[in-house]
Amino acid sequence: MLLKGFSCFISFRGLWSRRTETVRGHRLWTSASMMETVSELTVPVPWGVLRGKVWGPDHGHPVLCLHGWADNCGTFNTFLPLLPKECRFVSIDFPGHGLSSHRPPGVLYTFPSYVMDVRRVVEALQWRKFSIIGHSMGGNVAGMFSALFPEMVDAIVLLDSFGFLPTDLKELPKVMRQGIEDMIQYEKRMEEDKKRVYSYEKALERLLSVNRGLSEESAKILLERGSVPVEGGVVFTRDFRINLKNVSRTSVEQVLELHSRIKASVLVVLADHGFERMFAKPEQKRFVSDILQAYKDHKHSVVSVHGDHHVHLNNPEVVAPLVSTFLENKVLSLSASRTDFHTSNL
């Protein structure tokens, strides 16, 4: 790979045709398969690049897809092909994930930073109004972004995510302190630490051991962007700093205030063997209940499907019909109506 200024050249294995896209004056190289309507996207950022994938027609309704913690945009590989063909889906690897650049030394990974990354991407794409599909952590980023920039988002799909992840007020100081201490200790040893090299089989085994809800096929999909070959095997691409405690936390009260500022239509899809099962303590169950009730109070949809945390990747056919209907009813039909009205008045 050759990087020079904001111009990037990316080479791909297999049979590919290459084309360029210009985003606000920066030249972006994308690679489109001769057999599929999927392309690779690179967005320059001050410390490197954000990489991702694009599905669908150039002028389709824009939908930004945000993956979960320690995953990458491959998490949508099996899911997006089942959604409406009238959409233009852009999925990015968050910094420190997949093929995107890691954050600079000394910088922590926080939710506001991820929100800023989303803002950078949509600015580069020149999107003024779009929808968001977010899984797990990506759903939490989607919730915060939609609360801070409500005029930009017309619909939100939360896949096994509540859109926010509050922390008990009494726990805030402890969690923030731990995140700071973890970073200091990490910086002391990071010069000594080298990324461990695994055989592909061992890397797959490790990924499955820490994500017990993943099928083997799903784990292989995530490894396509989650690992790179080196001498002697593969190494994981993720930045180890994503494992440190997130020091930017919000209380339930703050979350509900942010929630009230969302103007977009929301569909919450919860897996019956997914994220919600992790919250066993009474105070955790309370904040989950409060957030879900807030969605219902604002006439948003909350549905449950059979599956685990990665149901959209393992069994996309379970989730895709719900999401397709939601997008068709909330954005695509309205867009078509506006087009028809404009045409009839020409």
Protein backbone atom coordinates (compact mmCIF):
# COMPACT_ATOMS: atom_id res chain seq x y z
CA MET A 1 0.00 0.00 0.00
CA LEU A 2 1.25 3.46 -0.88
CA LEU A 3 0.03 6.54 0.97
CA LYS A 4 0.87 10.02 -0.25
CA GLY A 5 -0.99 12.93 1.28
CA PHE A 6 -4.69 12.14 1.00
CA SER A 7 -4.36 9.93 -2.08
CA CYS A 8 -4.43 6.21 -1.39
CA PHE A 9 -3.71 3.21 -3.52
CA ILE A 10 -5.16 -0.08 -2.32
CA SER A 11 -4.46 -3.40 -3.98
CA PHE A 12 -6.80 -6.37 -3.69
CA ARG A 13 -6.45 -10.06 -4.30
CA GLY A 14 -8.62 -11.75 -6.88
CA LEU A 15 -10.22 -10.42 -10.04
CA TRP A 16 -11.14 -6.79 -9.49
CA SER A 17 -11.76 -3.67 -11.54
CA ARG A 18 -10.56 -0.42 -10.02
CA ARG A 19 -12.12 3.02 -10.11
CA THR A 20 -11.70 6.28 -8.20
CA GLU A 21 -14.18 8.38 -6.29
CA THR A 22 -13.62 12.00 -5.31
CA VAL A 23 -14.86 13.04 -1.89
CA ARG A 24 -14.69 16.77 -1.14
CA GLY A 25 -11.49 17.24 -3.07
CA HIS A 26 -9.77 14.10 -1.77
CA ARG A 27 -9.23 11.28 -4.21
CA LEU A 28 -10.46 7.94 -2.88
CA TRP A 29 -9.58 4.66 -4.51
CA THR A 30 -12.32 2.09 -4.50
CA SER A 31 -12.29 -1.40 -5.88
CA ALA A 32 -15.45 -2.88 -7.36
CA SER A 33 -15.81 -6.57 -8.08
CA MET A 34 -16.64 -7.47 -11.65
CA MET A 35 -19.18 -9.94 -10.30
CA GLU A 36 -20.71 -7.96 -7.42
CA THR A 37 -21.92 -4.43 -6.67
CA VAL A 38 -19.62 -4.15 -3.65
CA SER A 39 -16.70 -1.75 -3.45
CA GLU A 40 -13.99 -0.79 -0.97
CA LEU A 41 -13.92 2.76 0.39
CA THR A 42 -11.08 4.75 1.95
CA VAL A 43 -11.71 8.04 3.76
CA PRO A 44 -8.69 10.14 4.80
CA VAL A 45 -8.59 11.30 8.44
CA PRO A 46 -5.90 13.38 10.20
CA TRP A 47 -4.07 10.34 11.61
CA GLY A 48 -4.49 7.95 8.66
CA VAL A 49 -7.51 6.44 6.95
CA LEU A 50 -10.88 4.90 7.69
CA ARG A 51 -11.70 1.99 5.45
CA GLY A 52 -15.00 0.37 4.66
CA LYS A 53 -17.29 -1.25 2.11
CA VAL A 54 -20.08 0.04 -0.10
CA TRP A 55 -23.13 -1.84 -1.35
CA GLY A 56 -25.81 -0.67 -3.74
CA PRO A 57 -26.42 1.95 -6.44
CA ASP A 58 -24.62 5.30 -6.47
CA HIS A 59 -27.85 7.26 -6.07
CA GLY A 60 -29.58 4.93 -3.62
CA HIS A 61 -30.94 6.13 -0.29
CA PRO A 62 -27.85 6.57 1.95
CA VAL A 63 -27.54 4.21 4.91
CA LEU A 64 -24.48 4.19 7.19
CA CYS A 65 -23.75 0.86 8.88
CA LEU A 66 -21.80 0.77 12.15
CA HIS A 67 -20.32 -2.46 13.53
CA GLY A 68 -19.92 -3.62 17.11
CA TRP A 69 -16.94 -3.57 19.47
CA ALA A 70 -13.93 -5.61 18.26
CA ASP A 71 -15.80 -6.49 15.03
CA ASN A 72 -15.46 -4.83 11.63
CA CYS A 73 -17.66 -3.95 8.69
CA GLY A 74 -17.62 -7.58 7.54
CA THR A 75 -20.32 -8.09 10.17
CA PHE A 76 -22.84 -6.88 7.55
CA ASN A 77 -21.64 -9.12 4.69
CA THR A 78 -24.51 -11.61 4.88
CA PHE A 79 -27.15 -9.12 6.00
CA LEU A 80 -27.02 -6.15 3.62
CA PRO A 81 -27.56 -8.16 0.40
CA LEU A 82 -31.01 -9.06 1.79
CA LEU A 83 -32.09 -5.45 2.28
CA PRO A 84 -33.81 -3.13 -0.24
CA LYS A 85 -31.84 -2.64 -3.44
CA GLU A 86 -32.82 1.03 -3.52
CA CYS A 87 -30.36 1.76 -0.70
CA ARG A 88 -26.72 2.78 -0.82
CA PHE A 89 -25.10 1.09 2.19
CA VAL A 90 -21.75 2.34 3.46
CA SER A 91 -20.14 0.40 6.29
CA ILE A 92 -16.91 1.58 7.91
CA ASP A 93 -14.31 -0.06 10.09
CA PHE A 94 -14.08 2.12 13.19
CA PRO A 95 -10.56 3.30 14.09
CA GLY A 96 -8.61 0.49 15.73
CA HIS A 97 -10.85 -2.09 14.06
CA GLY A 98 -10.65 -3.98 10.80
CA LEU A 99 -8.48 -2.27 8.20
CA SER A 100 -8.81 1.29 9.54
CA SER A 101 -5.86 3.15 11.07
CA HIS A 102 -5.35 2.98 14.83
CA ARG A 103 -5.69 6.18 16.81
CA PRO A 104 -2.43 8.06 17.52
CA PRO A 105 -0.32 7.04 20.55
CA GLY A 106 -1.61 8.36 23.84
CA VAL A 107 -5.22 8.60 22.67
CA LEU A 108 -8.08 6.64 24.22
CA TYR A 109 -11.06 5.17 22.36
CA THR A 110 -14.27 6.85 23.51
CA PHE A 111 -17.85 7.12 22.28
CA PRO A 112 -17.62 10.85 21.47
CA SER A 113 -14.55 10.07 19.35
CA TYR A 114 -16.48 7.43 17.42
CA VAL A 115 -19.30 9.95 16.93
CA MET A 116 -16.76 12.39 15.49
CA ASP A 117 -15.54 9.63 13.15
CA VAL A 118 -19.09 9.22 11.84
CA ARG A 119 -19.32 12.98 11.34
CA ARG A 120 -16.07 12.91 9.36
CA VAL A 121 -17.31 10.10 7.13
CA VAL A 122 -20.66 11.69 6.28
CA GLU A 123 -18.93 15.02 5.66
CA ALA A 124 -16.59 13.29 3.22
CA LEU A 125 -19.52 11.54 1.52
CA GLN A 126 -21.43 14.85 1.45
CA TRP A 127 -24.48 13.22 3.02
CA ARG A 128 -26.91 15.68 4.55
CA LYS A 129 -29.70 13.21 5.41
CA PHE A 130 -29.25 9.48 5.89
CA SER A 131 -30.25 6.41 7.87
CA ILE A 132 -28.10 4.40 10.29
CA ILE A 133 -27.93 0.68 11.05
CA GLY A 134 -25.87 -0.03 14.14
CA HIS A 135 -24.99 -3.30 15.83
CA SER A 136 -24.05 -3.39 19.53
CA MET A 137 -21.45 -0.63 20.10
CA GLY A 138 -22.26 0.72 16.65
CA GLY A 139 -25.85 1.14 17.82
CA ASN A 140 -24.66 3.15 20.81
CA VAL A 141 -22.65 5.41 18.51
CA ALA A 142 -25.74 5.73 16.31
CA GLY A 143 -27.86 6.77 19.28
CA MET A 144 -25.45 9.46 20.42
CA PHE A 145 -24.87 10.77 16.89
CA SER A 146 -28.62 10.96 16.23
CA ALA A 147 -29.17 12.87 19.47
CA LEU A 148 -26.42 15.39 18.68
CA PHE A 149 -27.25 15.75 14.97
CA PRO A 150 -30.99 14.98 14.82
CA GLU A 151 -31.50 16.89 11.57
CA MET A 152 -29.14 14.55 9.71
CA VAL A 153 -30.73 11.17 10.55
CA ASP A 154 -34.12 10.03 9.25
CA ALA A 155 -34.18 6.42 10.50
CA ILE A 156 -32.20 4.24 12.92
CA VAL A 157 -32.01 0.46 13.17
CA LEU A 158 -30.47 -0.85 16.38
CA LEU A 159 -29.37 -4.49 16.13
CA ASP A 160 -29.16 -6.00 19.62
CA SER A 161 -28.35 -2.58 21.01
CA PHE A 162 -30.21 -0.06 23.14
CA GLY A 163 -28.68 2.95 21.39
CA PHE A 164 -27.03 4.03 24.64
CA LEU A 165 -25.13 2.25 27.40
CA PRO A 166 -25.49 4.17 30.68
CA THR A 167 -23.39 3.64 33.79
CA ASP A 168 -24.73 3.82 37.32
CA LEU A 169 -23.90 7.26 38.73
CA LYS A 170 -22.09 5.78 41.72
CA GLU A 171 -19.90 3.66 39.42
CA LEU A 172 -18.78 6.54 37.18
CA PRO A 173 -15.69 7.64 39.17
CA LYS A 174 -14.45 4.07 39.54
CA VAL A 175 -14.89 3.23 35.87
CA MET A 176 -13.24 6.46 34.69
CA ARG A 177 -10.30 6.00 37.06
CA GLN A 178 -9.82 2.42 35.92
CA GLY A 179 -9.75 3.51 32.27
CA ILE A 180 -7.07 6.10 32.98
CA GLU A 181 -4.96 3.68 35.05
CA ASP A 182 -5.29 0.98 32.39
CA MET A 183 -4.00 3.39 29.75
CA ILE A 184 -0.98 4.37 31.87
CA GLN A 185 -0.08 0.72 32.41
CA TYR A 186 -0.59 -0.05 28.73
CA GLU A 187 1.77 2.76 27.73
CA LYS A 188 4.48 1.41 30.03
CA ARG A 189 4.53 -1.96 28.33
CA MET A 190 3.46 -1.20 24.76
CA GLU A 191 7.07 -0.85 23.54
CA GLU A 192 7.76 -4.34 24.82
CA ASP A 193 4.55 -5.87 23.56
CA LYS A 194 4.51 -7.30 20.08
CA LYS A 195 1.44 -8.59 18.34
CA ARG A 196 1.19 -12.30 18.80
CA VAL A 197 1.36 -14.37 15.65
CA TYR A 198 -1.23 -17.15 15.31
CA SER A 199 -1.83 -19.81 12.76
CA TYR A 200 -5.09 -19.09 10.94
CA GLU A 201 -6.72 -22.02 12.73
CA LYS A 202 -5.61 -20.75 16.15
CA ALA A 203 -6.80 -17.22 15.33
CA LEU A 204 -10.20 -18.63 14.36
CA GLU A 205 -10.29 -20.69 17.54
CA ARG A 206 -9.45 -17.64 19.66
CA LEU A 207 -12.11 -15.49 18.01
CA LEU A 208 -14.73 -18.18 18.58
CA SER A 209 -13.68 -18.63 22.21
CA VAL A 210 -14.38 -14.98 23.07
CA ASN A 211 -17.49 -14.71 20.88
CA ARG A 212 -19.41 -17.87 21.69
CA GLY A 213 -22.45 -16.66 19.78
CA LEU A 214 -20.58 -16.59 16.46
CA SER A 215 -20.91 -19.44 14.02
CA GLU A 216 -17.65 -20.67 12.51
CA GLU A 217 -18.61 -19.22 9.13
CA SER A 218 -19.36 -15.83 10.72
CA ALA A 219 -16.02 -15.85 12.51
CA LYS A 220 -14.25 -16.50 9.20
CA ILE A 221 -16.04 -13.50 7.70
CA LEU A 222 -14.86 -11.24 10.53
CA LEU A 223 -11.31 -12.56 10.19
CA GLU A 224 -11.18 -11.37 6.58
CA ARG A 225 -10.71 -7.82 7.88
CA GLY A 226 -9.84 -8.68 11.45
CA SER A 227 -6.48 -10.30 10.66
CA VAL A 228 -3.60 -9.85 8.25
CA PRO A 229 -1.01 -12.39 7.11
CA VAL A 230 2.55 -12.07 8.40
CA GLU A 231 5.54 -14.36 8.41
CA GLY A 232 4.57 -17.46 10.34
CA GLY A 233 0.81 -16.92 10.35
CA VAL A 234 -1.60 -14.02 10.99
CA VAL A 235 -1.99 -11.20 13.49
CA PHE A 236 -5.21 -9.54 14.61
CA THR A 237 -5.61 -6.04 13.17
CA ARG A 238 -7.45 -4.49 16.11
CA ASP A 239 -5.77 -2.02 18.44
CA PHE A 240 -5.34 -3.45 21.93
CA ARG A 241 -6.43 -0.11 23.37
CA ILE A 242 -10.03 -0.88 22.43
CA ASN A 243 -9.96 -3.39 25.32
CA LEU A 244 -9.34 -0.65 27.89
CA LYS A 245 -12.23 0.81 29.88
CA ASN A 246 -14.08 3.56 28.05
CA VAL A 247 -13.62 6.64 30.26
CA SER A 248 -16.42 8.62 28.60
CA ARG A 249 -19.59 7.52 30.41
CA THR A 250 -23.14 8.75 30.73
CA SER A 251 -25.69 8.30 33.51
CA VAL A 252 -29.25 7.10 32.95
CA GLU A 253 -30.50 10.67 33.34
CA GLN A 254 -28.08 11.94 30.69
CA VAL A 255 -29.02 9.10 28.38
CA LEU A 256 -32.72 9.84 28.64
CA GLU A 257 -32.07 13.51 27.88
CA LEU A 258 -30.05 12.57 24.80
CA HIS A 259 -32.72 10.05 23.82
CA SER A 260 -35.41 12.76 23.88
CA ARG A 261 -33.51 14.71 21.22
CA ILE A 262 -33.67 11.96 18.58
CA LYS A 263 -36.05 12.91 15.77
CA ALA A 264 -35.57 9.87 13.54
CA SER A 265 -37.82 6.81 13.42
CA VAL A 266 -36.24 3.96 15.39
CA LEU A 267 -36.43 0.18 15.12
CA VAL A 268 -34.87 -1.76 18.01
CA VAL A 269 -34.27 -5.45 17.23
CA LEU A 270 -33.27 -7.43 20.32
CA ALA A 271 -32.05 -11.02 20.25
CA ASP A 272 -33.64 -13.23 22.90
CA HIS A 273 -30.24 -14.78 23.66
CA GLY A 274 -28.30 -11.57 23.10
CA PHE A 275 -27.09 -8.44 24.80
CA GLU A 276 -29.94 -7.99 27.27
CA ARG A 277 -29.04 -11.24 29.04
CA MET A 278 -25.77 -9.68 30.17
CA PHE A 279 -27.56 -7.27 32.47
CA ALA A 280 -28.43 -9.25 35.56
CA LYS A 281 -28.07 -6.71 38.38
CA PRO A 282 -31.26 -4.87 39.47
CA GLU A 283 -29.85 -1.42 38.60
CA GLN A 284 -28.83 -2.71 35.15
CA LYS A 285 -32.28 -4.16 34.52
CA ARG A 286 -33.76 -0.83 35.56
CA PHE A 287 -31.82 1.25 33.07
CA VAL A 288 -32.55 -1.24 30.27
CA SER A 289 -36.24 -1.04 31.12
CA ASP A 290 -36.12 2.79 31.25
CA ILE A 291 -34.47 3.09 27.84
CA LEU A 292 -36.78 0.60 26.14
CA GLN A 293 -39.82 2.32 27.66
CA ALA A 294 -38.56 5.64 26.31
CA TYR A 295 -38.54 4.17 22.79
CA LYS A 296 -42.08 2.91 23.24
CA ASP A 297 -43.23 6.23 24.68
CA HIS A 298 -41.98 7.96 21.54
CA LYS A 299 -43.86 5.49 19.32
CA HIS A 300 -40.71 3.68 18.18
CA SER A 301 -40.68 -0.05 17.47
CA VAL A 302 -39.06 -2.58 19.81
CA VAL A 303 -39.13 -6.19 18.63
CA SER A 304 -37.49 -9.43 19.71
CA VAL A 305 -36.13 -12.18 17.46
CA HIS A 306 -34.79 -15.63 18.19
CA GLY A 307 -31.02 -15.65 18.13
CA ASP A 308 -27.88 -14.43 19.84
CA HIS A 309 -25.87 -11.23 19.77
CA HIS A 310 -24.70 -11.71 16.15
CA VAL A 311 -28.02 -12.95 14.79
CA HIS A 312 -27.82 -10.47 11.88
CA LEU A 313 -24.58 -12.16 10.76
CA ASN A 314 -25.32 -15.77 11.71
CA ASN A 315 -28.94 -15.83 10.58
CA PRO A 316 -29.61 -12.68 8.55
CA GLU A 317 -32.85 -14.07 7.15
CA VAL A 318 -34.36 -13.70 10.65
CA VAL A 319 -33.66 -9.98 10.86
CA ALA A 320 -33.65 -8.76 7.25
CA PRO A 321 -37.45 -8.80 6.65
CA LEU A 322 -38.05 -6.61 9.72
CA VAL A 323 -35.39 -4.11 8.71
CA SER A 324 -36.49 -4.09 5.06
CA THR A 325 -40.09 -3.33 5.97
CA PHE A 326 -38.96 -0.59 8.35
CA LEU A 327 -36.76 1.10 5.74
CA GLU A 328 -39.44 0.82 3.07
CA ASN A 329 -42.12 2.33 5.32
CA LYS A 330 -40.05 5.03 7.02
CA VAL A 331 -37.74 6.34 4.30
CA LEU A 332 -38.06 4.68 0.89
CA SER A 333 -41.82 5.16 0.45
CA LEU A 334 -41.57 8.77 1.61
CA SER A 335 -38.70 9.41 -0.77
CA ALA A 336 -40.70 7.90 -3.63
CA SER A 337 -43.72 10.04 -2.74
CA ARG A 338 -41.61 13.21 -2.80
CA THR A 339 -40.17 12.22 -6.19
CA ASP A 340 -43.65 11.52 -7.61
CA PHE A 341 -44.91 14.86 -6.30
CA HIS A 342 -41.99 16.73 -7.81
CA THR A 343 -42.41 14.97 -11.16
CA SER A 344 -46.14 15.62 -11.32
CA ASN A 345 -45.54 19.34 -10.76
CA LEU A 346 -42.97 19.80 -13.49
